[in-house]
Each structure stands twice: as structure tokens, then as C-alpha cells.
Amino acid sequence: RQLTLARTRAHSAALQALGSSRFHAVADAVALLASELPLGPAAAGPATETLALPAEAAERRLLAAVAELPLRRAAHPYNAEALFSGLGAASAGEAQDAPWHEVRRLLRLHRYAQEVLNPGADPALCHAGILLDRHRDAAEAAAAAAAAARTPRIAPATAYALGVLHADQRHEVEAARFAFQQEWRHATTAVPAP
């Protein structure tokens, strides 16, 4: 019910914005920007030379972020870490998921840079990115179920169903972490560092 109401409000706001003068001003600015790209002098060089340093920086940030993850704990299936942390306050579950979301973002940056620098290369970490997408989706679903369960005057049967959904999604978070840990270990041992 909450999601339907939020979706309806967002839809109405979007339709209202499409008819506003601000939307037309933004559309004109985007069209102008697309015709006259404000590129710096570095953009004139080849992509391999221009992106080499930012790609290395993205890879270092990714490796540092993965080093901060509790991969040793994630290596044990069904350790219930995600479930127990998710049962606390909403901020506790979100704080626990935040480093994983950051690794997902950095992995995407790294993959995009590798696709530009090595267009014919097979992306070795593509499956790891899919697993982190699964992790994000499950974490967001668990957070939505927890938020819905905290609404006032909720029926006991609905609260129970939302609790089961929350637990199921937190187990999915844990499964995605376990699978990512295995995929990361496999990808980093199979692919030598540049």
C-alpha cells in the first residue's frame, strides 16, 4: 500500500514536471550541451593514454574497498551475519550494507575502464558485479519490508508475512556475499594483476 501510494505520487510529480517551464529549460540546456561538448584538452588524446591513470586509481580504490569487506566471515555459508545485523535498527542494517554497495559501485567503474582500455578482453569480474547487484536488490527489499512492518496499526498476519519476507531477503544478502567472496577469490587468482 505504501509503495503504491509512493509510486502514484512520484508519477504525478513526474507528469507535472514534464509540463513545467523548468523541464523545457533543462531539455534545451541538455540539447545545447550535446551539440557543444565542453571537453578539456585531455579529451583530444587517445583513450588508452587519457584513462590509464584514472583506471589505475579506480582499481586501487576497488582493491582497498574489497580489503575492508569481511570476506573471511562471508566465506562461511549461512553464518547469519546479515540476518542478525539486519534485525536491529534500520541504520544498523544499512551501515552493514554500505561497504558492499560501495564495492559494487567501484567494481562497475573498474569494469567500465577496462572495457575502454581493453575492448576485446573478457570482463573477468562481470559475474561478481551481477552478484553485487543481487546483494543490493535483496538489501533494498529487506529495508522496504522492515519499513513497512514498522507502520502503525499493522495487522499481525501482515507483520508476520513482512518479517518472513525480511528474513528471506537478508538470507539472500548473505548468499550473495558468500557467492561474491568465492567469485572474487576465483577471479583474483585466475587473473594476474597488471
N, C-alpha and C. Protein backbone atom coordinates (compact mmCIF):
# COMPACT_ATOMS: atom_id res chain seq x y z
N ARG A 1 0.83 -1.19 0.00
CA ARG A 1 0.00 0.00 0.00
C ARG A 1 0.87 1.25 0.00
N GLN A 2 1.91 1.24 0.84
CA GLN A 2 2.81 2.39 0.89
C GLN A 2 3.55 2.58 -0.43
N LEU A 3 3.98 1.46 -1.00
CA LEU A 3 4.72 1.55 -2.26
C LEU A 3 3.83 2.05 -3.39
N THR A 4 2.57 1.61 -3.41
CA THR A 4 1.64 2.07 -4.43
C THR A 4 1.39 3.56 -4.30
N LEU A 5 1.21 4.02 -3.06
CA LEU A 5 0.99 5.44 -2.82
C LEU A 5 2.21 6.26 -3.24
N ALA A 6 3.40 5.78 -2.88
CA ALA A 6 4.63 6.49 -3.25
C ALA A 6 4.81 6.52 -4.76
N ARG A 7 4.50 5.41 -5.42
CA ARG A 7 4.62 5.34 -6.87
C ARG A 7 3.64 6.30 -7.54
N THR A 8 2.41 6.36 -7.03
CA THR A 8 1.41 7.26 -7.59
C THR A 8 1.82 8.71 -7.42
N ARG A 9 2.34 9.05 -6.26
CA ARG A 9 2.81 10.42 -6.03
C ARG A 9 3.97 10.77 -6.95
N ALA A 10 4.92 9.84 -7.09
CA ALA A 10 6.07 10.09 -7.96
C ALA A 10 5.63 10.24 -9.42
N HIS A 11 4.67 9.43 -9.84
CA HIS A 11 4.16 9.51 -11.20
C HIS A 11 3.49 10.86 -11.44
N SER A 12 2.68 11.30 -10.50
CA SER A 12 2.02 12.60 -10.62
C SER A 12 3.03 13.74 -10.66
N ALA A 13 4.04 13.65 -9.80
CA ALA A 13 5.07 14.69 -9.78
C ALA A 13 5.86 14.72 -11.09
N ALA A 14 6.14 13.55 -11.65
CA ALA A 14 6.87 13.49 -12.91
C ALA A 14 6.04 14.08 -14.05
N LEU A 15 4.75 13.76 -14.09
CA LEU A 15 3.90 14.32 -15.13
C LEU A 15 3.78 15.84 -14.99
N GLN A 16 3.70 16.30 -13.76
CA GLN A 16 3.63 17.74 -13.52
C GLN A 16 4.93 18.42 -13.97
N ALA A 17 6.05 17.77 -13.68
CA ALA A 17 7.35 18.35 -14.04
C ALA A 17 7.54 18.40 -15.56
N LEU A 18 7.00 17.40 -16.27
CA LEU A 18 7.14 17.38 -17.73
C LEU A 18 6.44 18.57 -18.38
N GLY A 19 5.38 19.05 -17.76
CA GLY A 19 4.66 20.19 -18.31
C GLY A 19 5.17 21.53 -17.85
N SER A 20 6.14 21.55 -16.97
CA SER A 20 6.60 22.82 -16.41
C SER A 20 7.63 23.48 -17.32
N SER A 21 7.81 24.77 -17.12
CA SER A 21 8.80 25.51 -17.91
C SER A 21 10.22 25.12 -17.51
N ARG A 22 10.40 24.66 -16.27
CA ARG A 22 11.73 24.23 -15.84
C ARG A 22 12.20 23.02 -16.64
N PHE A 23 11.27 22.10 -16.94
CA PHE A 23 11.64 20.92 -17.72
C PHE A 23 12.11 21.34 -19.10
N HIS A 24 11.40 22.27 -19.73
CA HIS A 24 11.78 22.70 -21.07
C HIS A 24 13.12 23.43 -21.05
N ALA A 25 13.40 24.16 -19.99
CA ALA A 25 14.70 24.83 -19.87
C ALA A 25 15.82 23.81 -19.73
N VAL A 26 15.58 22.77 -18.95
CA VAL A 26 16.59 21.71 -18.79
C VAL A 26 16.78 20.97 -20.10
N ALA A 27 15.69 20.68 -20.81
CA ALA A 27 15.79 19.98 -22.10
C ALA A 27 16.58 20.82 -23.10
N ASP A 28 16.36 22.12 -23.11
CA ASP A 28 17.13 23.00 -24.01
C ASP A 28 18.61 23.00 -23.64
N ALA A 29 18.89 23.04 -22.34
CA ALA A 29 20.29 23.03 -21.89
C ALA A 29 20.98 21.73 -22.25
N VAL A 30 20.27 20.60 -22.13
CA VAL A 30 20.85 19.30 -22.49
C VAL A 30 21.11 19.24 -23.98
N ALA A 31 20.17 19.74 -24.78
CA ALA A 31 20.36 19.74 -26.24
C ALA A 31 21.56 20.60 -26.62
N LEU A 32 21.71 21.74 -25.98
CA LEU A 32 22.85 22.62 -26.24
C LEU A 32 24.15 21.95 -25.81
N LEU A 33 24.12 21.29 -24.66
CA LEU A 33 25.30 20.60 -24.16
C LEU A 33 25.72 19.48 -25.10
N ALA A 34 24.74 18.75 -25.64
CA ALA A 34 25.06 17.65 -26.55
C ALA A 34 25.67 18.15 -27.84
N SER A 35 25.28 19.34 -28.29
CA SER A 35 25.83 19.86 -29.54
C SER A 35 27.19 20.51 -29.35
N GLU A 36 27.47 21.03 -28.17
CA GLU A 36 28.74 21.70 -27.89
C GLU A 36 29.35 21.12 -26.62
N LEU A 37 29.98 19.98 -26.76
CA LEU A 37 30.54 19.31 -25.59
C LEU A 37 31.70 20.11 -25.00
N PRO A 38 31.66 20.40 -23.71
CA PRO A 38 32.74 21.17 -23.07
C PRO A 38 33.89 20.25 -22.66
N LEU A 39 34.63 19.76 -23.64
CA LEU A 39 35.72 18.82 -23.35
C LEU A 39 37.02 19.58 -23.09
N GLY A 40 37.79 19.03 -22.18
CA GLY A 40 39.09 19.61 -21.87
C GLY A 40 40.12 19.17 -22.89
N PRO A 41 41.33 19.70 -22.79
CA PRO A 41 42.38 19.32 -23.75
C PRO A 41 42.77 17.85 -23.65
N ALA A 42 42.58 17.23 -22.50
CA ALA A 42 42.94 15.82 -22.35
C ALA A 42 42.05 14.92 -23.19
N ALA A 43 40.84 15.38 -23.51
CA ALA A 43 39.91 14.55 -24.28
C ALA A 43 40.35 14.37 -25.72
N ALA A 44 41.28 15.19 -26.18
CA ALA A 44 41.76 15.06 -27.56
C ALA A 44 42.71 13.88 -27.73
N GLY A 45 43.29 13.40 -26.63
CA GLY A 45 44.24 12.30 -26.70
C GLY A 45 43.55 10.95 -26.81
N PRO A 46 44.33 9.91 -27.08
CA PRO A 46 43.77 8.56 -27.15
C PRO A 46 43.24 8.11 -25.79
N ALA A 47 42.19 7.31 -25.82
CA ALA A 47 41.54 6.87 -24.58
C ALA A 47 42.49 6.06 -23.71
N THR A 48 43.35 5.25 -24.33
CA THR A 48 44.25 4.43 -23.53
C THR A 48 45.22 5.26 -22.72
N GLU A 49 45.67 6.39 -23.29
CA GLU A 49 46.58 7.26 -22.55
C GLU A 49 45.84 8.12 -21.53
N THR A 50 44.68 8.62 -21.93
CA THR A 50 43.92 9.53 -21.07
C THR A 50 43.35 8.81 -19.86
N LEU A 51 42.89 7.57 -20.05
CA LEU A 51 42.21 6.86 -18.97
C LEU A 51 43.12 5.94 -18.17
N ALA A 52 44.37 5.83 -18.53
CA ALA A 52 45.25 4.88 -17.83
C ALA A 52 45.38 5.21 -16.35
N LEU A 53 45.67 6.46 -16.02
CA LEU A 53 45.83 6.83 -14.60
C LEU A 53 44.52 6.76 -13.82
N PRO A 54 43.40 7.30 -14.35
CA PRO A 54 42.14 7.14 -13.60
C PRO A 54 41.73 5.68 -13.45
N ALA A 55 42.04 4.84 -14.44
CA ALA A 55 41.70 3.42 -14.34
C ALA A 55 42.52 2.74 -13.24
N GLU A 56 43.79 3.11 -13.15
CA GLU A 56 44.62 2.55 -12.07
C GLU A 56 44.13 3.01 -10.70
N ALA A 57 43.72 4.27 -10.62
CA ALA A 57 43.19 4.79 -9.35
C ALA A 57 41.90 4.07 -8.98
N ALA A 58 41.04 3.82 -9.97
CA ALA A 58 39.78 3.11 -9.70
C ALA A 58 40.06 1.69 -9.23
N GLU A 59 41.06 1.05 -9.83
CA GLU A 59 41.40 -0.31 -9.42
C GLU A 59 41.96 -0.33 -8.00
N ARG A 60 42.80 0.64 -7.66
CA ARG A 60 43.34 0.71 -6.29
C ARG A 60 42.22 0.93 -5.27
N ARG A 61 41.28 1.82 -5.61
CA ARG A 61 40.17 2.07 -4.69
C ARG A 61 39.30 0.82 -4.54
N LEU A 62 39.10 0.09 -5.63
CA LEU A 62 38.32 -1.15 -5.57
C LEU A 62 39.01 -2.17 -4.68
N LEU A 63 40.30 -2.37 -4.88
CA LEU A 63 41.04 -3.34 -4.07
C LEU A 63 41.04 -2.95 -2.60
N ALA A 64 41.16 -1.66 -2.31
CA ALA A 64 41.13 -1.20 -0.92
C ALA A 64 39.75 -1.42 -0.31
N ALA A 65 38.70 -1.16 -1.08
CA ALA A 65 37.34 -1.35 -0.57
C ALA A 65 37.04 -2.83 -0.33
N VAL A 66 37.50 -3.69 -1.22
CA VAL A 66 37.28 -5.13 -1.03
C VAL A 66 38.07 -5.63 0.17
N ALA A 67 39.26 -5.07 0.39
CA ALA A 67 40.06 -5.47 1.55
C ALA A 67 39.35 -5.13 2.86
N GLU A 68 38.49 -4.11 2.85
CA GLU A 68 37.75 -3.72 4.05
C GLU A 68 36.53 -4.60 4.31
N LEU A 69 36.09 -5.36 3.31
CA LEU A 69 34.92 -6.22 3.49
C LEU A 69 35.25 -7.41 4.38
N PRO A 70 34.27 -7.89 5.13
CA PRO A 70 34.51 -9.09 5.96
C PRO A 70 34.41 -10.37 5.12
N LEU A 71 35.35 -10.54 4.19
CA LEU A 71 35.28 -11.70 3.28
C LEU A 71 35.53 -13.01 4.01
N ARG A 72 36.31 -12.98 5.08
CA ARG A 72 36.54 -14.22 5.82
C ARG A 72 35.24 -14.72 6.44
N ARG A 73 34.46 -13.80 7.00
CA ARG A 73 33.17 -14.17 7.58
C ARG A 73 32.20 -14.59 6.48
N ALA A 74 32.25 -13.91 5.33
CA ALA A 74 31.36 -14.24 4.21
C ALA A 74 31.73 -15.58 3.59
N ALA A 75 32.93 -16.09 3.86
CA ALA A 75 33.36 -17.37 3.29
C ALA A 75 32.64 -18.55 3.92
N HIS A 76 31.97 -18.32 5.04
CA HIS A 76 31.22 -19.40 5.69
C HIS A 76 29.75 -19.25 5.34
N PRO A 77 29.20 -20.22 4.61
CA PRO A 77 27.79 -20.09 4.24
C PRO A 77 26.88 -20.17 5.46
N TYR A 78 25.79 -19.46 5.38
CA TYR A 78 24.76 -19.48 6.42
C TYR A 78 25.31 -19.07 7.78
N ASN A 79 26.12 -18.02 7.80
CA ASN A 79 26.65 -17.56 9.08
C ASN A 79 25.69 -16.61 9.78
N ALA A 80 24.60 -16.22 9.11
CA ALA A 80 23.52 -15.40 9.66
C ALA A 80 23.98 -14.01 10.08
N GLU A 81 25.14 -13.58 9.64
CA GLU A 81 25.61 -12.24 9.97
C GLU A 81 24.67 -11.18 9.41
N ALA A 82 24.28 -11.36 8.16
CA ALA A 82 23.40 -10.38 7.53
C ALA A 82 22.03 -10.36 8.19
N LEU A 83 21.56 -11.53 8.63
CA LEU A 83 20.24 -11.60 9.26
C LEU A 83 20.26 -10.93 10.62
N PHE A 84 21.23 -11.26 11.47
CA PHE A 84 21.26 -10.70 12.81
C PHE A 84 21.49 -9.20 12.79
N SER A 85 22.37 -8.73 11.91
CA SER A 85 22.60 -7.29 11.83
C SER A 85 21.39 -6.59 11.24
N GLY A 86 20.68 -7.26 10.35
CA GLY A 86 19.50 -6.66 9.74
C GLY A 86 18.32 -6.58 10.67
N LEU A 87 18.31 -7.37 11.76
CA LEU A 87 17.19 -7.35 12.68
C LEU A 87 17.23 -6.16 13.62
N GLY A 88 18.38 -5.51 13.72
CA GLY A 88 18.49 -4.35 14.60
C GLY A 88 17.78 -3.15 14.01
N ALA A 89 18.22 -2.00 14.39
CA ALA A 89 17.64 -0.78 13.85
C ALA A 89 17.91 -0.70 12.35
N ALA A 90 17.12 0.08 11.67
CA ALA A 90 17.27 0.19 10.22
C ALA A 90 18.65 0.70 9.85
N SER A 91 19.20 1.61 10.63
CA SER A 91 20.51 2.17 10.30
C SER A 91 21.63 1.13 10.46
N ALA A 92 21.44 0.15 11.37
CA ALA A 92 22.47 -0.89 11.54
C ALA A 92 22.58 -1.75 10.29
N GLY A 93 21.45 -2.15 9.73
CA GLY A 93 21.49 -2.95 8.51
C GLY A 93 22.04 -2.16 7.34
N GLU A 94 21.64 -0.89 7.24
CA GLU A 94 22.13 -0.05 6.15
C GLU A 94 23.63 0.21 6.30
N ALA A 95 24.09 0.40 7.52
CA ALA A 95 25.52 0.63 7.74
C ALA A 95 26.33 -0.61 7.37
N GLN A 96 25.76 -1.77 7.64
CA GLN A 96 26.46 -3.01 7.30
C GLN A 96 26.48 -3.22 5.79
N ASP A 97 25.44 -2.80 5.10
CA ASP A 97 25.36 -3.00 3.65
C ASP A 97 26.14 -1.94 2.88
N ALA A 98 26.39 -0.79 3.47
CA ALA A 98 27.02 0.32 2.75
C ALA A 98 28.38 -0.04 2.14
N PRO A 99 29.29 -0.72 2.85
CA PRO A 99 30.57 -1.07 2.21
C PRO A 99 30.40 -1.99 1.00
N TRP A 100 29.43 -2.87 1.05
CA TRP A 100 29.17 -3.75 -0.08
C TRP A 100 28.64 -2.96 -1.27
N HIS A 101 27.78 -1.98 -1.01
CA HIS A 101 27.27 -1.13 -2.09
C HIS A 101 28.40 -0.30 -2.70
N GLU A 102 29.32 0.15 -1.86
CA GLU A 102 30.46 0.92 -2.36
C GLU A 102 31.35 0.05 -3.25
N VAL A 103 31.57 -1.20 -2.86
CA VAL A 103 32.36 -2.12 -3.69
C VAL A 103 31.66 -2.34 -5.02
N ARG A 104 30.34 -2.46 -4.99
CA ARG A 104 29.58 -2.63 -6.23
C ARG A 104 29.81 -1.44 -7.17
N ARG A 105 29.75 -0.23 -6.63
CA ARG A 105 29.95 0.98 -7.42
C ARG A 105 31.37 1.03 -7.99
N LEU A 106 32.35 0.72 -7.16
CA LEU A 106 33.75 0.76 -7.61
C LEU A 106 34.04 -0.34 -8.62
N LEU A 107 33.42 -1.50 -8.46
CA LEU A 107 33.60 -2.59 -9.41
C LEU A 107 33.06 -2.19 -10.78
N ARG A 108 31.93 -1.51 -10.79
CA ARG A 108 31.38 -1.04 -12.06
C ARG A 108 32.33 -0.04 -12.73
N LEU A 109 32.88 0.90 -11.95
CA LEU A 109 33.84 1.85 -12.52
C LEU A 109 35.05 1.13 -13.10
N HIS A 110 35.55 0.15 -12.35
CA HIS A 110 36.71 -0.61 -12.81
C HIS A 110 36.39 -1.36 -14.11
N ARG A 111 35.23 -1.99 -14.15
CA ARG A 111 34.84 -2.74 -15.35
C ARG A 111 34.68 -1.81 -16.55
N TYR A 112 34.06 -0.65 -16.35
CA TYR A 112 33.89 0.29 -17.46
C TYR A 112 35.25 0.76 -17.98
N ALA A 113 36.17 1.04 -17.08
CA ALA A 113 37.50 1.47 -17.50
C ALA A 113 38.20 0.36 -18.27
N GLN A 114 38.06 -0.88 -17.83
CA GLN A 114 38.69 -1.99 -18.52
C GLN A 114 38.07 -2.21 -19.90
N GLU A 115 36.76 -1.97 -20.03
CA GLU A 115 36.12 -2.12 -21.33
C GLU A 115 36.64 -1.09 -22.33
N VAL A 116 36.99 0.10 -21.85
CA VAL A 116 37.52 1.13 -22.75
C VAL A 116 38.99 0.84 -23.07
N LEU A 117 39.76 0.47 -22.05
CA LEU A 117 41.19 0.26 -22.26
C LEU A 117 41.49 -1.04 -23.00
N ASN A 118 40.71 -2.08 -22.75
CA ASN A 118 40.90 -3.38 -23.40
C ASN A 118 39.58 -3.84 -23.99
N PRO A 119 39.16 -3.30 -25.14
CA PRO A 119 37.82 -3.59 -25.66
C PRO A 119 37.58 -5.07 -25.98
N GLY A 120 38.60 -5.81 -26.36
CA GLY A 120 38.40 -7.21 -26.71
C GLY A 120 38.51 -8.16 -25.54
N ALA A 121 38.93 -7.65 -24.39
CA ALA A 121 39.16 -8.52 -23.23
C ALA A 121 37.84 -8.98 -22.63
N ASP A 122 37.84 -10.19 -22.11
CA ASP A 122 36.67 -10.74 -21.43
C ASP A 122 36.62 -10.18 -20.02
N PRO A 123 35.52 -9.54 -19.62
CA PRO A 123 35.46 -8.98 -18.27
C PRO A 123 35.41 -10.10 -17.22
N ALA A 124 36.51 -10.28 -16.53
CA ALA A 124 36.62 -11.38 -15.57
C ALA A 124 35.71 -11.19 -14.37
N LEU A 125 35.41 -9.96 -14.03
CA LEU A 125 34.62 -9.70 -12.82
C LEU A 125 33.16 -9.39 -13.12
N CYS A 126 32.69 -9.75 -14.30
CA CYS A 126 31.30 -9.47 -14.67
C CYS A 126 30.34 -10.21 -13.74
N HIS A 127 30.62 -11.47 -13.45
CA HIS A 127 29.73 -12.24 -12.58
C HIS A 127 29.74 -11.68 -11.16
N ALA A 128 30.88 -11.21 -10.70
CA ALA A 128 30.94 -10.60 -9.37
C ALA A 128 30.05 -9.37 -9.31
N GLY A 129 30.00 -8.59 -10.38
CA GLY A 129 29.11 -7.44 -10.43
C GLY A 129 27.65 -7.84 -10.38
N ILE A 130 27.31 -8.93 -11.05
CA ILE A 130 25.93 -9.44 -11.01
C ILE A 130 25.57 -9.86 -9.60
N LEU A 131 26.50 -10.49 -8.91
CA LEU A 131 26.24 -10.91 -7.52
C LEU A 131 26.04 -9.71 -6.61
N LEU A 132 26.81 -8.66 -6.83
CA LEU A 132 26.64 -7.45 -6.01
C LEU A 132 25.34 -6.73 -6.35
N ASP A 133 24.88 -6.85 -7.60
CA ASP A 133 23.55 -6.32 -7.94
C ASP A 133 22.47 -7.08 -7.18
N ARG A 134 22.63 -8.39 -7.13
CA ARG A 134 21.69 -9.22 -6.36
C ARG A 134 21.70 -8.84 -4.89
N HIS A 135 22.90 -8.57 -4.36
CA HIS A 135 23.04 -8.15 -2.96
C HIS A 135 22.29 -6.84 -2.73
N ARG A 136 22.49 -5.88 -3.62
CA ARG A 136 21.82 -4.58 -3.46
C ARG A 136 20.30 -4.72 -3.51
N ASP A 137 19.80 -5.50 -4.48
CA ASP A 137 18.36 -5.68 -4.61
C ASP A 137 17.77 -6.32 -3.36
N ALA A 138 18.45 -7.34 -2.83
CA ALA A 138 17.95 -8.02 -1.63
C ALA A 138 18.02 -7.10 -0.41
N ALA A 139 19.08 -6.32 -0.29
CA ALA A 139 19.19 -5.40 0.84
C ALA A 139 18.11 -4.33 0.79
N GLU A 140 17.82 -3.82 -0.41
CA GLU A 140 16.76 -2.82 -0.54
C GLU A 140 15.39 -3.42 -0.26
N ALA A 141 15.17 -4.66 -0.70
CA ALA A 141 13.89 -5.32 -0.43
C ALA A 141 13.72 -5.56 1.07
N ALA A 142 14.78 -5.97 1.73
CA ALA A 142 14.71 -6.18 3.18
C ALA A 142 14.43 -4.88 3.91
N ALA A 143 15.07 -3.80 3.48
CA ALA A 143 14.83 -2.50 4.11
C ALA A 143 13.39 -2.04 3.89
N ALA A 144 12.85 -2.28 2.70
CA ALA A 144 11.46 -1.91 2.43
C ALA A 144 10.50 -2.73 3.27
N ALA A 145 10.78 -4.03 3.43
CA ALA A 145 9.92 -4.88 4.26
C ALA A 145 9.99 -4.44 5.71
N ALA A 146 11.17 -4.10 6.19
CA ALA A 146 11.31 -3.64 7.58
C ALA A 146 10.58 -2.32 7.79
N ALA A 147 10.67 -1.42 6.82
CA ALA A 147 9.97 -0.13 6.94
C ALA A 147 8.47 -0.33 6.93
N ALA A 148 8.00 -1.22 6.07
CA ALA A 148 6.56 -1.49 6.02
C ALA A 148 6.07 -2.14 7.31
N ALA A 149 6.90 -2.97 7.92
CA ALA A 149 6.49 -3.64 9.16
C ALA A 149 6.43 -2.68 10.33
N ARG A 150 7.12 -1.55 10.22
CA ARG A 150 7.10 -0.57 11.32
C ARG A 150 5.93 0.40 11.24
N THR A 151 5.06 0.24 10.27
CA THR A 151 3.92 1.15 10.17
C THR A 151 2.96 0.90 11.32
N PRO A 152 2.29 1.95 11.79
CA PRO A 152 1.36 1.78 12.91
C PRO A 152 0.10 1.03 12.47
N ARG A 153 -0.52 0.38 13.42
CA ARG A 153 -1.78 -0.34 13.23
C ARG A 153 -1.71 -1.38 12.11
N ILE A 154 -0.63 -2.12 12.08
CA ILE A 154 -0.49 -3.17 11.07
C ILE A 154 -1.10 -4.46 11.62
N ALA A 155 -1.73 -5.22 10.77
CA ALA A 155 -2.35 -6.48 11.19
C ALA A 155 -1.25 -7.49 11.55
N PRO A 156 -1.49 -8.32 12.55
CA PRO A 156 -0.47 -9.31 12.95
C PRO A 156 -0.06 -10.24 11.80
N ALA A 157 -1.01 -10.66 10.99
CA ALA A 157 -0.66 -11.56 9.88
C ALA A 157 0.23 -10.84 8.86
N THR A 158 -0.05 -9.56 8.63
CA THR A 158 0.78 -8.79 7.70
C THR A 158 2.18 -8.58 8.27
N ALA A 159 2.24 -8.30 9.57
CA ALA A 159 3.54 -8.12 10.22
C ALA A 159 4.35 -9.41 10.14
N TYR A 160 3.70 -10.54 10.35
CA TYR A 160 4.39 -11.83 10.26
C TYR A 160 4.91 -12.06 8.84
N ALA A 161 4.07 -11.80 7.84
CA ALA A 161 4.48 -12.00 6.45
C ALA A 161 5.65 -11.09 6.09
N LEU A 162 5.60 -9.85 6.57
CA LEU A 162 6.71 -8.93 6.30
C LEU A 162 7.99 -9.37 7.01
N GLY A 163 7.85 -9.94 8.21
CA GLY A 163 9.01 -10.46 8.92
C GLY A 163 9.64 -11.62 8.18
N VAL A 164 8.80 -12.52 7.66
CA VAL A 164 9.32 -13.65 6.88
C VAL A 164 10.01 -13.14 5.61
N LEU A 165 9.39 -12.16 4.95
CA LEU A 165 10.00 -11.58 3.75
C LEU A 165 11.33 -10.92 4.08
N HIS A 166 11.37 -10.19 5.20
CA HIS A 166 12.61 -9.53 5.61
C HIS A 166 13.71 -10.57 5.86
N ALA A 167 13.39 -11.62 6.60
CA ALA A 167 14.38 -12.66 6.89
C ALA A 167 14.85 -13.34 5.60
N ASP A 168 13.92 -13.60 4.69
CA ASP A 168 14.29 -14.23 3.42
C ASP A 168 15.23 -13.34 2.62
N GLN A 169 14.96 -12.05 2.59
CA GLN A 169 15.82 -11.14 1.84
C GLN A 169 17.18 -10.98 2.50
N ARG A 170 17.24 -10.98 3.82
CA ARG A 170 18.54 -10.89 4.49
C ARG A 170 19.35 -12.17 4.24
N HIS A 171 18.67 -13.32 4.15
CA HIS A 171 19.38 -14.56 3.79
C HIS A 171 19.90 -14.45 2.35
N GLU A 172 19.13 -13.81 1.48
CA GLU A 172 19.58 -13.60 0.11
C GLU A 172 20.81 -12.68 0.08
N VAL A 173 20.83 -11.68 0.96
CA VAL A 173 22.00 -10.81 1.09
C VAL A 173 23.21 -11.65 1.47
N GLU A 174 23.02 -12.52 2.45
CA GLU A 174 24.11 -13.37 2.91
C GLU A 174 24.59 -14.31 1.81
N ALA A 175 23.65 -14.88 1.05
CA ALA A 175 24.02 -15.78 -0.05
C ALA A 175 24.80 -15.03 -1.12
N ALA A 176 24.39 -13.80 -1.41
CA ALA A 176 25.11 -13.01 -2.41
C ALA A 176 26.52 -12.68 -1.93
N ARG A 177 26.67 -12.40 -0.64
CA ARG A 177 28.01 -12.12 -0.09
C ARG A 177 28.89 -13.35 -0.19
N PHE A 178 28.33 -14.50 0.14
CA PHE A 178 29.08 -15.75 0.06
C PHE A 178 29.53 -16.01 -1.38
N ALA A 179 28.59 -15.86 -2.32
CA ALA A 179 28.91 -16.11 -3.73
C ALA A 179 29.93 -15.08 -4.25
N PHE A 180 29.80 -13.82 -3.83
CA PHE A 180 30.76 -12.80 -4.25
C PHE A 180 32.15 -13.13 -3.72
N GLN A 181 32.22 -13.55 -2.47
CA GLN A 181 33.52 -13.89 -1.89
C GLN A 181 34.19 -14.99 -2.70
N GLN A 182 33.43 -16.01 -3.08
CA GLN A 182 34.00 -17.10 -3.86
C GLN A 182 34.39 -16.62 -5.26
N GLU A 183 33.54 -15.83 -5.88
CA GLU A 183 33.82 -15.33 -7.23
C GLU A 183 35.03 -14.39 -7.22
N TRP A 184 35.13 -13.55 -6.20
CA TRP A 184 36.26 -12.62 -6.10
C TRP A 184 37.56 -13.40 -5.93
N ARG A 185 37.53 -14.38 -5.07
CA ARG A 185 38.74 -15.19 -4.84
C ARG A 185 39.14 -15.90 -6.14
N HIS A 186 38.16 -16.45 -6.84
CA HIS A 186 38.45 -17.15 -8.10
C HIS A 186 38.97 -16.18 -9.16
N ALA A 187 38.34 -15.00 -9.28
CA ALA A 187 38.74 -14.04 -10.31
C ALA A 187 40.11 -13.44 -10.03
N THR A 188 40.41 -13.18 -8.77
CA THR A 188 41.70 -12.55 -8.47
C THR A 188 42.85 -13.54 -8.53
N THR A 189 42.59 -14.83 -8.34
CA THR A 189 43.67 -15.80 -8.50
C THR A 189 43.82 -16.21 -9.96
N ALA A 190 42.73 -16.15 -10.74
CA ALA A 190 42.81 -16.56 -12.15
C ALA A 190 43.37 -15.45 -13.03
N VAL A 191 43.15 -14.20 -12.64
CA VAL A 191 43.60 -13.07 -13.45
C VAL A 191 44.79 -12.41 -12.76
N PRO A 192 45.97 -12.43 -13.38
CA PRO A 192 47.12 -11.77 -12.75
C PRO A 192 46.92 -10.26 -12.72
N ALA A 193 47.42 -9.65 -11.69
CA ALA A 193 47.31 -8.19 -11.55
C ALA A 193 48.18 -7.52 -12.60
N PRO A 194 47.72 -6.38 -13.17
CA PRO A 194 48.52 -5.72 -14.22
C PRO A 194 49.74 -5.05 -13.64
